[in-house]
Amino acid sequence: MEKIWLDHYPDSVPHEINPDRVPSLIDVLEESIGKFSDKIAFTNMGCDLTFNELDRLTQQLAAYLQNNGLQRGDAVAVMMPNLLQNPVAIFGVLRAGMVVVNVNPLYTARELKHQLKDANVKAIIIVENFAHTLQEVIDDCPLDMILTTQLGDMLPVPKRWIVNAVVKHVKKMVPAFTLAGAVPFMQALAQGENLQYNRPQVSGDDVAFLQYTGGTTGVSKGAMLTHRNLMANLEQIAAIISPVVDEGKEIIVTALPLYHIFALTANCLAFVKFGCQNLLITNPRDMPGFVKELGKYPFTAMTGVNTLFNGLLNTPGFNELDFSNFKFALGGGMAVQRPVAEKWERVTGHVLLEGYGLTECSPLVTVNPPSLAHYNGSIGLPAPSTDIKLLDDEGNEVAMGETGEMYVQGPQVMKGYLNREEATREILNDGWLATGDIAKCDDKGFFYIVDRKKDMILVSGFNVFPNEIEEVAVMHESVLEAAAIGIPNEACGETVKLFVVRKDPSLTAEEVIDHCRQNLTGYKVPKVIEFREELPKSNVGKILRRELRD
């Protein structure tokens, strides 16, 4: 396709970026500390952390890690929701010259055990609410260091005492646990203040994050993301959004967890680079509380997945918020549905930009430019220094407008999967990464995801893509959410089954089918409707079709 998208870049966006502008993420943090010292870097539960404070605390943690038996390159797990402790832990580990292993705090003992053993984790920083899970596996996964923290630990006294007491004794959110040798996180920071910090020499080829992925499609694998991978993605993000971002002045709403690659890069790392404020939301599933928190700040940007935006739009009070400072929202992680995007634009007055990425690409691959006038259904243009090709099942490039599996090449593509050479070879070939997503490209270089290759439904030889069925279903005013799968059928191979969460409990299956019939070709119309109170989702809100199929 000869990179036809370059002809349609906004004038302000360069065709290429320099992934080697600075050597490491440590340098990015140090640059921002120097430029934005007194600016607020992170806010959580009404408490602020400035860049100066972030500098001091991360150096203290790095010094503690370096002086208590850990070595450069050791893997350190971080297992917590969005709290002020989270960025302190992430940047503290990086500044120690070590590797961050982000862990979902809602993991079961089985999932945690796999990740700790697979990554050869030497230390963990964990919120006490989930320490009982660690206790279950600690005998099989011995660690050199355990640092525990409570939800309110970085809040000022007496708020810290009150929050921790309520969480533990009133809400009883901290199951009993015993972890021999565990050290309180705040104690480690205090001790680190009196220890020597040695700034490590880190190169772009050094692994910065072991980011686990693929848990819903097989064994979870650790994507090795180097400092250069992340640096490249930050430069790509900066090239795209710099025209609308004022350094040191933005407030980005960070509701997706920082252990997820989307929020980690697009929110935490990118807006530290810009010297801006991350508003960390600890529990975005409490939608009324989330909306109340938004009402306290002149927020200017937000990232999320379709279910998060849909949830906000259906929460009383959201449409009454002040959007006068708002600049853009970015959707990713799953397909943004047109009805949600169009309602978002009506309510906020701003377009919901859709982008596309995956853990193995740090994650950004494509995104719509902030200058986009209205939602266009595409995942946007490839980021600078990114190449994309679409291949058919025989490995041939498809013609313009035809669908094919998307392959990506660029400096943001991972080094490989940790200790999984075969899995790496399956997805990486000659620097090209096979995404497993079916896409098409228009004559302006905008890409459109048709669907996941493995989610495709085959009806009488015709390919049916669940995204299309779901988007039509949620156009019905009484449908809140929908998910489509294929079920076996003797006559036509598979037929479409649709799972529906209703806004109106009186909605019938016949009404849903009639609605779909009005908007879809006959073979695409669902034959079976199953109503559910909720749909299974990942912890960032992505609907898990595989669980529905199972």
Protein backbone atom coordinates (compact mmCIF):
# COMPACT_ATOMS: atom_id res chain seq x y z
CA MET A 1 0.00 0.00 0.00
CA GLU A 2 3.10 2.20 -0.23
CA LYS A 3 2.22 3.90 3.07
CA ILE A 4 -0.64 5.83 1.45
CA TRP A 5 -1.61 7.06 4.91
CA LEU A 6 1.35 9.43 4.99
CA ASP A 7 -0.39 11.62 2.39
CA HIS A 8 -3.25 12.12 4.86
CA TYR A 9 -1.28 12.89 8.01
CA PRO A 10 -2.07 16.29 9.52
CA ASP A 11 0.66 18.79 8.58
CA SER A 12 1.94 18.86 12.17
CA VAL A 13 2.62 15.10 12.35
CA PRO A 14 6.06 13.87 11.20
CA HIS A 15 6.30 10.73 9.07
CA GLU A 16 9.08 9.30 11.25
CA ILE A 17 10.09 9.54 14.91
CA ASN A 18 13.46 9.00 16.59
CA PRO A 19 13.10 6.11 19.07
CA ASP A 20 16.62 6.78 20.33
CA ARG A 21 16.10 10.44 21.27
CA VAL A 22 16.84 9.53 24.88
CA PRO A 23 18.26 6.21 26.10
CA SER A 24 15.58 5.08 28.55
CA LEU A 25 12.38 5.74 30.46
CA ILE A 26 14.55 6.86 33.37
CA ASP A 27 15.68 9.77 31.20
CA VAL A 28 12.06 10.61 30.33
CA LEU A 29 11.18 10.84 34.02
CA GLU A 30 14.27 12.89 34.83
CA GLU A 31 13.53 15.31 31.96
CA SER A 32 10.01 15.90 33.28
CA ILE A 33 11.17 16.30 36.88
CA GLY A 34 13.57 18.99 35.68
CA LYS A 35 10.94 20.84 33.64
CA PHE A 36 7.80 20.41 35.76
CA SER A 37 9.11 20.05 39.32
CA ASP A 38 6.24 21.77 41.16
CA LYS A 39 3.46 20.58 38.84
CA ILE A 40 1.06 17.84 39.95
CA ALA A 41 1.93 14.47 38.42
CA PHE A 42 -0.72 12.22 40.01
CA THR A 43 -3.93 12.72 41.97
CA ASN A 44 -5.90 10.05 43.84
CA MET A 45 -8.59 10.22 46.53
CA GLY A 46 -8.22 14.01 46.65
CA CYS A 47 -4.46 13.87 47.31
CA ASP A 48 -1.76 15.18 44.94
CA LEU A 49 1.77 14.03 44.16
CA THR A 50 4.06 16.57 42.47
CA PHE A 51 6.92 15.73 40.15
CA ASN A 52 9.36 16.73 42.90
CA GLU A 53 7.68 14.34 45.32
CA LEU A 54 7.64 11.63 42.66
CA ASP A 55 11.38 12.19 42.21
CA ARG A 56 12.12 11.87 45.93
CA LEU A 57 9.91 8.84 46.58
CA THR A 58 11.01 6.86 43.51
CA GLN A 59 14.67 7.42 44.34
CA GLN A 60 13.99 6.22 47.89
CA LEU A 61 12.32 3.06 46.62
CA ALA A 62 15.06 2.46 44.05
CA ALA A 63 17.73 2.83 46.75
CA TYR A 64 15.88 0.38 49.01
CA LEU A 65 15.61 -2.22 46.23
CA GLN A 66 19.27 -1.81 45.27
CA ASN A 67 20.52 -2.12 48.85
CA ASN A 68 18.44 -5.09 49.93
CA GLY A 69 19.66 -7.96 47.80
CA LEU A 70 18.12 -7.23 44.40
CA GLN A 71 20.24 -6.89 41.27
CA ARG A 72 20.00 -4.85 38.08
CA GLY A 73 17.61 -6.62 35.69
CA ASP A 74 15.68 -8.47 38.41
CA ALA A 75 11.92 -8.77 37.91
CA VAL A 76 9.75 -6.92 40.44
CA ALA A 77 5.99 -7.48 40.44
CA VAL A 78 3.58 -4.60 41.11
CA MET A 79 0.12 -5.81 42.16
CA MET A 80 -2.31 -3.00 42.96
CA PRO A 81 -5.17 -0.89 41.60
CA ASN A 82 -4.80 2.78 40.68
CA LEU A 83 -3.30 4.40 43.78
CA LEU A 84 -0.52 6.95 44.30
CA GLN A 85 1.69 4.02 45.32
CA ASN A 86 1.39 2.59 41.81
CA PRO A 87 3.44 5.14 39.83
CA VAL A 88 5.89 5.37 42.72
CA ALA A 89 6.39 1.61 42.49
CA ILE A 90 6.63 1.55 38.68
CA PHE A 91 9.15 4.38 38.38
CA GLY A 92 11.03 3.24 41.50
CA VAL A 93 11.60 -0.19 39.97
CA LEU A 94 12.68 1.35 36.65
CA ARG A 95 15.06 3.78 38.38
CA ALA A 96 16.64 0.82 40.17
CA GLY A 97 17.47 -0.66 36.76
CA MET A 98 15.01 -3.47 37.26
CA VAL A 99 12.06 -4.88 35.28
CA VAL A 100 8.42 -4.11 36.14
CA VAL A 101 6.04 -7.07 36.04
CA ASN A 102 2.51 -5.65 36.18
CA VAL A 103 0.09 -8.04 37.90
CA ASN A 104 -3.69 -7.85 37.86
CA PRO A 105 -4.67 -7.61 41.56
CA LEU A 106 -7.81 -9.67 40.91
CA TYR A 107 -5.82 -12.68 39.78
CA THR A 108 -6.66 -16.04 41.28
CA ALA A 109 -3.90 -17.93 43.06
CA ARG A 110 -3.40 -20.11 39.97
CA GLU A 111 -2.96 -17.10 37.68
CA LEU A 112 -0.63 -15.33 40.13
CA LYS A 113 1.50 -18.44 40.60
CA HIS A 114 1.93 -18.81 36.83
CA GLN A 115 3.02 -15.22 36.36
CA LEU A 116 5.43 -15.11 39.32
CA LYS A 117 7.13 -18.35 38.24
CA ASP A 118 7.14 -17.56 34.51
CA ALA A 119 8.75 -14.15 35.03
CA ASN A 120 11.13 -15.42 37.75
CA VAL A 121 9.93 -12.60 39.99
CA LYS A 122 12.33 -11.74 42.82
CA ALA A 123 10.19 -9.18 44.68
CA ILE A 124 6.61 -7.98 44.83
CA ILE A 125 4.91 -4.74 45.87
CA ILE A 126 1.34 -5.65 46.76
CA VAL A 127 -1.74 -4.03 48.30
CA GLU A 128 -2.80 -5.85 51.47
CA ASN A 129 -6.32 -6.44 50.09
CA PHE A 130 -4.81 -9.11 47.82
CA ALA A 131 -2.00 -10.41 50.05
CA HIS A 132 -4.05 -13.50 50.97
CA THR A 133 -3.77 -14.62 47.32
CA LEU A 134 0.01 -14.30 47.49
CA GLN A 135 0.00 -16.30 50.73
CA GLU A 136 -1.61 -19.22 48.87
CA VAL A 137 1.29 -19.50 46.42
CA ILE A 138 4.29 -18.19 48.32
CA ASP A 139 5.60 -21.68 49.17
CA ASP A 140 5.76 -22.51 45.46
CA CYS A 141 7.06 -19.06 44.49
CA PRO A 142 9.61 -17.99 47.12
CA LEU A 143 10.48 -14.29 46.87
CA ASP A 144 13.50 -12.32 48.09
CA MET A 145 11.36 -9.34 49.05
CA ILE A 146 7.70 -8.59 49.80
CA LEU A 147 6.53 -5.00 50.29
CA THR A 148 2.91 -4.55 51.41
CA THR A 149 0.85 -1.39 51.33
CA GLN A 150 -2.62 -0.31 52.42
CA LEU A 151 -5.01 1.63 50.17
CA GLY A 152 -4.60 4.92 52.03
CA ASP A 153 -0.89 4.77 52.79
CA MET A 154 0.13 7.77 50.69
CA LEU A 155 -2.68 10.02 51.86
CA PRO A 156 -1.92 12.69 54.48
CA VAL A 157 -2.66 12.04 58.14
CA PRO A 158 -5.39 11.76 59.47
CA LYS A 159 -7.06 10.80 56.15
CA ARG A 160 -4.59 7.92 55.80
CA TRP A 161 -5.61 6.45 59.16
CA ILE A 162 -9.31 6.88 58.46
CA VAL A 163 -9.22 5.29 54.99
CA ASN A 164 -7.12 2.34 56.14
CA ALA A 165 -9.30 1.76 59.20
CA VAL A 166 -12.55 1.89 57.22
CA VAL A 167 -11.21 -0.42 54.48
CA LYS A 168 -9.92 -2.96 56.99
CA HIS A 169 -12.38 -2.89 59.88
CA VAL A 170 -15.63 -1.42 58.54
CA LYS A 171 -15.78 -2.64 54.94
CA LYS A 172 -13.65 -5.71 55.82
CA MET A 173 -11.91 -5.60 52.44
CA VAL A 174 -8.61 -7.05 53.72
CA PRO A 175 -8.78 -10.83 54.30
CA ALA A 176 -6.40 -12.12 56.94
CA PHE A 177 -2.96 -13.09 55.65
CA THR A 178 0.48 -14.14 56.87
CA LEU A 179 3.58 -13.36 54.82
CA ALA A 180 6.80 -13.96 56.69
CA GLY A 181 9.37 -11.22 56.27
CA ALA A 182 6.99 -8.77 54.56
CA VAL A 183 8.00 -5.12 54.97
CA PRO A 184 5.51 -2.22 54.85
CA PHE A 185 5.95 -0.15 51.68
CA MET A 186 6.09 3.11 53.62
CA GLN A 187 8.80 1.70 55.89
CA ALA A 188 10.85 0.74 52.84
CA LEU A 189 10.52 4.30 51.49
CA ALA A 190 11.62 5.74 54.85
CA GLN A 191 14.66 3.46 54.97
CA GLY A 192 15.51 4.25 51.37
CA GLU A 193 15.90 7.93 52.28
CA ASN A 194 19.12 7.06 54.12
CA LEU A 195 20.52 4.67 51.53
CA GLN A 196 22.77 5.35 48.55
CA TYR A 197 20.95 5.46 45.20
CA ASN A 198 23.08 4.41 42.24
CA ARG A 199 21.67 5.53 38.92
CA PRO A 200 21.95 2.51 36.61
CA GLN A 201 23.27 2.59 33.06
CA VAL A 202 20.27 1.41 31.05
CA SER A 203 20.24 0.89 27.28
CA GLY A 204 17.33 0.88 24.89
CA ASP A 205 17.63 -2.89 24.47
CA ASP A 206 17.10 -3.55 28.18
CA VAL A 207 13.67 -4.88 29.11
CA ALA A 208 11.60 -2.30 31.01
CA PHE A 209 8.31 -4.21 31.39
CA LEU A 210 7.24 -7.83 31.27
CA GLN A 211 3.65 -7.27 30.22
CA TYR A 212 1.52 -10.40 30.32
CA THR A 213 -1.02 -11.11 27.61
CA GLY A 214 -2.99 -13.91 26.04
CA GLY A 215 -4.61 -15.19 29.21
CA THR A 216 -7.98 -15.59 27.51
CA THR A 217 -6.58 -17.45 24.50
CA GLY A 218 -4.20 -19.86 26.17
CA VAL A 219 -1.36 -19.62 28.63
CA SER A 220 -0.48 -16.05 29.62
CA LYS A 221 2.80 -14.95 28.02
CA GLY A 222 5.22 -12.21 29.06
CA ALA A 223 5.78 -9.70 26.27
CA MET A 224 9.28 -8.27 26.67
CA LEU A 225 8.91 -4.53 26.14
CA THR A 226 12.24 -2.75 26.06
CA HIS A 227 13.00 0.82 27.02
CA ARG A 228 13.37 1.53 23.29
CA ASN A 229 9.95 -0.02 22.53
CA LEU A 230 8.27 2.22 25.08
CA MET A 231 10.36 5.25 24.14
CA ALA A 232 9.32 4.78 20.50
CA ASN A 233 5.64 4.56 21.43
CA LEU A 234 5.89 7.69 23.58
CA GLU A 235 7.51 9.58 20.70
CA GLN A 236 4.76 8.30 18.38
CA ILE A 237 2.02 9.39 20.79
CA ALA A 238 3.68 12.77 21.26
CA ALA A 239 3.93 13.33 17.51
CA ILE A 240 0.18 12.72 17.13
CA ILE A 241 -1.29 14.59 20.11
CA SER A 242 1.25 17.39 20.67
CA PRO A 243 -0.84 19.86 18.62
CA VAL A 244 -3.67 19.67 21.18
CA VAL A 245 -1.72 19.04 24.39
CA ASP A 246 -0.37 21.90 26.49
CA GLU A 247 2.66 20.70 28.44
CA GLY A 248 2.18 20.93 32.19
CA LYS A 249 -1.49 21.91 31.92
CA GLU A 250 -3.62 18.88 31.05
CA ILE A 251 -5.59 16.64 33.42
CA ILE A 252 -6.07 13.15 31.99
CA VAL A 253 -8.64 10.84 33.56
CA THR A 254 -7.00 7.46 34.24
CA ALA A 255 -9.80 5.02 34.97
CA LEU A 256 -8.30 1.98 33.26
CA PRO A 257 -5.82 0.24 35.60
CA LEU A 258 -2.14 1.08 35.22
CA TYR A 259 -1.32 -2.62 35.07
CA HIS A 260 -3.00 -2.61 31.64
CA ILE A 261 -0.72 -1.59 28.76
CA PHE A 262 -3.22 0.99 27.40
CA ALA A 263 -3.33 3.07 30.59
CA LEU A 264 0.32 2.39 31.39
CA THR A 265 1.57 3.96 28.14
CA ALA A 266 -1.17 6.34 27.00
CA ASN A 267 -1.84 7.79 30.46
CA CYS A 268 0.96 7.17 32.94
CA LEU A 269 4.06 7.31 30.77
CA ALA A 270 2.82 9.70 28.06
CA PHE A 271 1.45 12.32 30.41
CA VAL A 272 4.48 12.14 32.70
CA LYS A 273 6.43 12.95 29.54
CA PHE A 274 4.08 15.92 28.94
CA GLY A 275 4.38 17.08 32.56
CA CYS A 276 0.64 16.71 33.08
CA GLN A 277 -1.66 15.44 35.81
CA ASN A 278 -3.02 11.88 35.91
CA LEU A 279 -6.31 11.67 37.82
CA LEU A 280 -6.19 8.08 39.08
CA ILE A 281 -9.59 6.42 39.58
CA THR A 282 -9.27 3.48 41.97
CA ASN A 283 -12.70 1.93 41.38
CA PRO A 284 -14.26 3.01 38.06
CA ARG A 285 -16.92 0.30 38.42
CA ASP A 286 -18.54 2.55 41.02
CA MET A 287 -19.98 4.72 38.26
CA PRO A 288 -21.84 7.19 40.53
CA GLY A 289 -18.66 7.69 42.56
CA PHE A 290 -16.63 8.02 39.35
CA VAL A 291 -18.95 10.75 38.04
CA LYS A 292 -18.83 12.54 41.40
CA GLU A 293 -15.01 12.50 41.26
CA LEU A 294 -15.02 13.88 37.71
CA GLY A 295 -17.12 16.79 38.93
CA LYS A 296 -14.24 17.98 41.13
CA TYR A 297 -11.68 18.53 38.36
CA PRO A 298 -11.45 20.51 35.07
CA PHE A 299 -10.38 17.35 33.23
CA THR A 300 -9.19 17.73 29.64
CA ALA A 301 -8.69 14.19 28.32
CA MET A 302 -9.78 10.62 29.00
CA THR A 303 -8.97 7.13 27.81
CA GLY A 304 -11.20 4.10 28.10
CA VAL A 305 -12.86 1.11 26.52
CA ASN A 306 -16.31 1.09 24.93
CA THR A 307 -17.99 -0.34 28.05
CA LEU A 308 -16.51 2.42 30.23
CA PHE A 309 -17.78 5.19 27.95
CA ASN A 310 -21.16 3.48 27.65
CA GLY A 311 -21.37 3.14 31.44
CA LEU A 312 -20.61 6.82 31.97
CA LEU A 313 -23.19 7.86 29.39
CA ASN A 314 -25.82 5.80 31.23
CA THR A 315 -24.92 7.16 34.70
CA PRO A 316 -27.09 10.00 36.07
CA GLY A 317 -25.17 13.26 36.36
CA PHE A 318 -22.57 12.57 33.70
CA ASN A 319 -24.34 14.73 31.12
CA GLU A 320 -24.37 17.58 33.65
CA LEU A 321 -20.57 17.71 34.04
CA ASP A 322 -18.58 20.70 32.79
CA PHE A 323 -16.93 19.73 29.50
CA SER A 324 -15.69 23.24 28.69
CA ASN A 325 -12.04 22.25 29.25
CA PHE A 326 -12.35 18.85 27.61
CA LYS A 327 -10.23 18.18 24.50
CA PHE A 328 -10.47 14.53 23.52
CA ALA A 329 -11.36 11.01 24.55
CA LEU A 330 -9.48 7.99 23.24
CA GLY A 331 -11.11 4.57 22.97
CA GLY A 332 -9.21 1.31 22.55
CA GLY A 333 -8.90 -2.21 23.90
CA MET A 334 -12.07 -3.28 22.07
CA ALA A 335 -14.18 -1.92 19.25
CA VAL A 336 -15.86 1.43 19.89
CA GLN A 337 -19.50 1.09 18.90
CA ARG A 338 -21.01 3.80 16.73
CA PRO A 339 -24.09 4.43 18.93
CA VAL A 340 -21.80 4.95 21.94
CA ALA A 341 -19.44 7.23 19.98
CA GLU A 342 -22.29 9.31 18.59
CA LYS A 343 -23.94 9.71 21.99
CA TRP A 344 -20.56 10.63 23.52
CA GLU A 345 -20.17 13.40 20.94
CA ARG A 346 -23.70 14.71 21.61
CA VAL A 347 -23.20 14.76 25.39
CA THR A 348 -19.61 16.05 25.63
CA GLY A 349 -19.38 18.05 22.41
CA HIS A 350 -16.19 16.20 21.46
CA VAL A 351 -15.44 13.27 19.14
CA LEU A 352 -14.54 9.91 20.66
CA LEU A 353 -11.28 9.01 18.91
CA GLU A 354 -10.74 5.33 18.29
CA GLY A 355 -7.27 3.84 18.25
CA TYR A 356 -5.84 0.36 17.99
CA GLY A 357 -3.00 -1.37 19.69
CA LEU A 358 -1.90 -4.53 21.40
CA THR A 359 0.38 -5.43 24.27
CA GLU A 360 3.05 -6.71 21.88
CA CYS A 361 3.24 -3.21 20.30
CA SER A 362 3.64 -1.22 23.52
CA PRO A 363 0.62 -0.78 22.55
CA LEU A 364 -0.18 1.97 19.97
CA VAL A 365 -0.33 0.97 16.30
CA THR A 366 -2.97 3.26 14.78
CA VAL A 367 -5.12 6.14 15.98
CA ASN A 368 -7.43 8.77 14.57
CA PRO A 369 -5.97 12.29 14.56
CA PRO A 370 -7.35 14.69 17.21
CA SER A 371 -8.48 16.94 14.35
CA LEU A 372 -11.10 14.35 13.33
CA ALA A 373 -14.47 16.09 13.01
CA HIS A 374 -16.74 13.13 13.77
CA TYR A 375 -16.49 9.44 14.61
CA ASN A 376 -15.72 7.60 11.37
CA GLY A 377 -15.75 3.94 12.41
CA SER A 378 -12.05 3.51 11.69
CA ILE A 379 -9.11 2.79 14.00
CA GLY A 380 -7.27 5.64 12.33
CA LEU A 381 -3.93 6.03 10.59
CA PRO A 382 -0.74 4.13 11.44
CA ALA A 383 1.51 5.93 13.92
CA PRO A 384 4.72 7.52 12.56
CA SER A 385 7.48 4.97 11.79
CA THR A 386 4.85 2.21 11.65
CA ASP A 387 4.22 -0.01 8.63
CA ILE A 388 1.18 -2.25 8.13
CA LYS A 389 0.32 -4.90 5.59
CA LEU A 390 -2.81 -7.03 5.18
CA LEU A 391 -2.37 -10.66 4.12
CA ASP A 392 -4.80 -13.35 2.99
CA ASP A 393 -4.67 -16.95 4.20
CA GLU A 394 -2.01 -17.77 1.59
CA GLY A 395 0.26 -14.95 2.77
CA ASN A 396 -0.42 -12.63 -0.18
CA GLU A 397 -1.08 -8.92 0.27
CA VAL A 398 -4.73 -8.09 -0.40
CA ALA A 399 -6.01 -5.39 -2.74
CA MET A 400 -7.22 -2.00 -1.52
CA GLY A 401 -10.52 -2.34 0.32
CA GLU A 402 -10.14 -6.11 0.73
CA THR A 403 -9.87 -7.73 4.17
CA GLY A 404 -6.80 -9.53 5.46
CA GLU A 405 -4.91 -10.28 8.65
CA MET A 406 -3.05 -7.22 9.90
CA TYR A 407 0.74 -7.41 10.24
CA VAL A 408 2.66 -4.60 11.98
CA GLN A 409 6.27 -3.48 11.81
CA GLY A 410 7.84 -0.65 13.81
CA PRO A 411 10.17 0.27 16.69
CA GLN A 412 7.35 -0.28 19.20
CA VAL A 413 7.08 -4.01 18.41
CA MET A 414 8.19 -6.18 21.33
CA LYS A 415 11.47 -8.02 21.65
CA GLY A 416 9.54 -11.30 21.97
CA TYR A 417 7.82 -13.46 24.57
CA LEU A 418 9.90 -14.35 27.61
CA ASN A 419 11.28 -17.93 27.38
CA ARG A 420 8.83 -18.80 24.57
CA GLU A 421 10.81 -19.01 21.37
CA GLU A 422 8.16 -21.03 19.51
CA ALA A 423 5.34 -18.64 20.48
CA THR A 424 7.57 -15.73 19.46
CA ARG A 425 8.26 -17.30 16.06
CA GLU A 426 4.53 -17.87 15.54
CA ILE A 427 3.75 -14.17 15.94
CA LEU A 428 7.01 -12.47 14.82
CA ASN A 429 8.58 -13.04 11.42
CA ASP A 430 11.26 -10.77 9.96
CA GLY A 431 10.20 -7.99 12.30
CA TRP A 432 6.54 -8.26 11.24
CA LEU A 433 4.06 -9.02 14.02
CA ALA A 434 0.92 -11.01 13.18
CA THR A 435 -1.92 -9.36 15.12
CA GLY A 436 -4.61 -11.99 14.55
CA ASP A 437 -6.99 -9.18 13.62
CA ILE A 438 -8.81 -8.94 10.30
CA ALA A 439 -8.75 -5.43 8.83
CA LYS A 440 -9.21 -3.42 5.67
CA CYS A 441 -7.77 -0.10 4.50
CA ASP A 442 -9.46 2.69 2.54
CA ASP A 443 -7.90 4.90 -0.12
CA LYS A 444 -6.84 7.50 2.46
CA GLY A 445 -4.93 5.01 4.60
CA PHE A 446 -7.51 4.73 7.37
CA PHE A 447 -7.75 1.20 8.73
CA TYR A 448 -10.88 -0.61 9.88
CA ILE A 449 -10.89 -3.67 12.12
CA VAL A 450 -13.40 -6.16 10.80
CA ASP A 451 -12.88 -8.58 13.69
CA ARG A 452 -10.63 -10.98 15.52
CA LYS A 453 -9.70 -13.86 13.24
CA LYS A 454 -10.69 -16.46 15.82
CA ASP A 455 -14.04 -14.78 16.60
CA MET A 456 -15.27 -15.04 13.02
CA ILE A 457 -18.61 -16.87 12.52
CA LEU A 458 -19.03 -18.96 9.37
CA VAL A 459 -22.64 -19.16 8.15
CA SER A 460 -23.18 -21.20 4.98
CA GLY A 461 -19.75 -20.21 3.73
CA PHE A 462 -20.24 -16.53 4.51
CA ASN A 463 -17.99 -14.78 7.04
CA VAL A 464 -19.99 -13.05 9.77
CA PHE A 465 -18.16 -10.66 12.08
CA PRO A 466 -19.48 -10.33 15.66
CA ASN A 467 -18.60 -6.62 15.89
CA GLU A 468 -21.15 -5.80 13.19
CA ILE A 469 -23.94 -7.78 14.88
CA GLU A 470 -23.19 -6.21 18.25
CA GLU A 471 -23.06 -2.67 16.87
CA VAL A 472 -26.48 -3.12 15.26
CA ALA A 473 -27.95 -4.66 18.42
CA VAL A 474 -26.94 -1.77 20.69
CA MET A 475 -28.60 0.66 18.27
CA HIS A 476 -31.87 -0.56 19.82
CA GLU A 477 -32.85 1.88 22.55
CA SER A 478 -33.57 -0.95 25.03
CA VAL A 479 -30.25 -2.79 24.58
CA LEU A 480 -27.41 -1.85 26.93
CA GLU A 481 -24.76 -4.35 25.80
CA ALA A 482 -24.52 -7.25 23.36
CA ALA A 483 -22.09 -9.99 22.39
CA ALA A 484 -22.36 -12.31 19.38
CA ILE A 485 -20.89 -15.79 18.95
CA GLY A 486 -21.32 -18.67 16.53
CA ILE A 487 -23.08 -21.87 17.59
CA PRO A 488 -23.07 -25.17 15.67
CA ASN A 489 -25.86 -25.72 13.13
CA GLU A 490 -26.23 -28.83 10.97
CA ALA A 491 -27.76 -26.97 8.05
CA CYS A 492 -25.36 -24.06 7.72
CA GLY A 493 -22.31 -24.85 9.84
CA GLU A 494 -22.91 -22.09 12.36
CA THR A 495 -25.65 -19.64 13.24
CA VAL A 496 -25.43 -16.43 15.24
CA LYS A 497 -26.31 -16.39 18.92
CA LEU A 498 -26.62 -13.01 20.62
CA PHE A 499 -26.25 -12.38 24.35
CA VAL A 500 -28.07 -9.21 25.43
CA VAL A 501 -28.11 -7.05 28.55
CA ARG A 502 -31.37 -5.10 28.60
CA LYS A 503 -32.05 -1.52 29.67
CA ASP A 504 -35.78 -2.32 29.59
CA PRO A 505 -36.70 -5.68 31.18
CA SER A 506 -39.79 -5.93 28.95
CA LEU A 507 -37.66 -6.23 25.81
CA THR A 508 -38.32 -9.56 24.06
CA ALA A 509 -36.14 -11.80 21.92
CA GLU A 510 -38.53 -11.28 19.00
CA GLU A 511 -38.07 -7.52 19.18
CA VAL A 512 -34.27 -7.87 19.14
CA ILE A 513 -34.39 -10.22 16.14
CA ASP A 514 -36.81 -7.92 14.27
CA HIS A 515 -34.51 -4.97 14.93
CA CYS A 516 -31.50 -6.91 13.63
CA ARG A 517 -33.44 -8.11 10.59
CA GLN A 518 -34.09 -4.49 9.65
CA ASN A 519 -30.37 -3.72 9.67
CA LEU A 520 -28.60 -6.91 8.64
CA THR A 521 -28.52 -9.32 5.71
CA GLY A 522 -30.53 -12.45 6.46
CA TYR A 523 -27.64 -14.81 7.20
CA LYS A 524 -26.23 -12.35 9.76
CA VAL A 525 -29.44 -12.06 11.79
CA PRO A 526 -29.17 -13.80 15.20
CA LYS A 527 -31.26 -16.94 15.44
CA VAL A 528 -30.91 -17.31 19.22
CA ILE A 529 -31.15 -14.55 21.87
CA GLU A 530 -30.10 -15.08 25.46
CA PHE A 531 -30.71 -12.35 28.02
CA ARG A 532 -28.11 -11.88 30.76
CA GLU A 533 -27.85 -9.58 33.76
CA GLU A 534 -24.26 -8.87 32.72
CA LEU A 535 -21.65 -10.07 30.24
CA PRO A 536 -18.28 -11.56 31.26
CA LYS A 537 -15.54 -8.94 30.97
CA SER A 538 -11.84 -8.59 31.55
CA ASN A 539 -10.77 -6.24 34.29
CA VAL A 540 -10.55 -3.37 31.85
CA GLY A 541 -14.10 -3.96 30.61
CA LYS A 542 -13.43 -5.93 27.42
CA ILE A 543 -16.26 -8.38 26.71
CA LEU A 544 -14.93 -11.96 26.72
CA ARG A 545 -16.66 -13.78 23.87
CA ARG A 546 -14.58 -16.88 24.56
CA GLU A 547 -16.25 -17.33 27.95
CA LEU A 548 -19.64 -17.07 26.29
CA ARG A 549 -18.61 -19.70 23.74
CA ASP A 550 -17.32 -21.97 26.50
